Amino acid sequence: MTFGQKLREARQKAALSQEELAQRISVSRSAIAKWETDKGLPDVDNLKAISKLLDVSVDYLLDDESSLDLSITREPIDLNGEKNLIKKAKLKDALVKDKFPEYSVYALTATKKLSSKEKIRDHAMSLFTAFLPGIGSFDSGTDLVNAFENLNNAFYLADSEKKQYYIIVSDEFMEIRQIAGRFDDQKFEIGNYKMVRSQKAI
């Protein structure tokens, strides 16, 4: 069985609806639906919460090899001295390409999934930013907020025929996590983020 099938079966055995499970672990019902149809993956914290709530082990849920590996490699780097944001972004691209020379490396645009309160804020901000010069390139207020929140983080997907890695590069570290299945669509979800893969490798 896939991760999604195991999650759905465990939820049903616990006599919980998708909405009830979502409320218990503080995510949206649509997130549960996507996880159960293998269109997205919960992050490590949500996996642990699901495991405890549904009384199944994380190993059992992940045994189908269709989700993120829980092991994380974090390598220290120091880009704090570089103040030019464009140069810093190019340095991060180069670090990832050097780390994965045999892989196709794609930049990821990360958008945080919204809670109910954040959706209200998003609507208000989209109305506000519509009247500001130079802000029109953002689709919504959330995109603008994410741009500031993730200013120091860059997200990547390193792809080969056999393996994929999800990489976050901040100014202080490179975090690498192997993906135990595959993300072949341009859009997918990891934890609390919606990801859009660049059409061309960097």
Foldseek 3Di string as FASTA:
>chain_A
DALLCVLVVLCVVVVHDLCRLCVQLVHHSVVNVCRNVLQADAAPVSLVSSCVSSVHDSCVSCVVLQFWDNDKDKFWDAQPVDPDLVVSVVVVLVVVCVVQVPWQKWWKDKFFDDDPVVVVVFVVQQVVQVPDPPSVVDPISSSVVCCVVCVQWTWMWTDDPVWIWIWIGGNTIIMIITRRRDDPDQWGYYHRIIIGTDPGGD
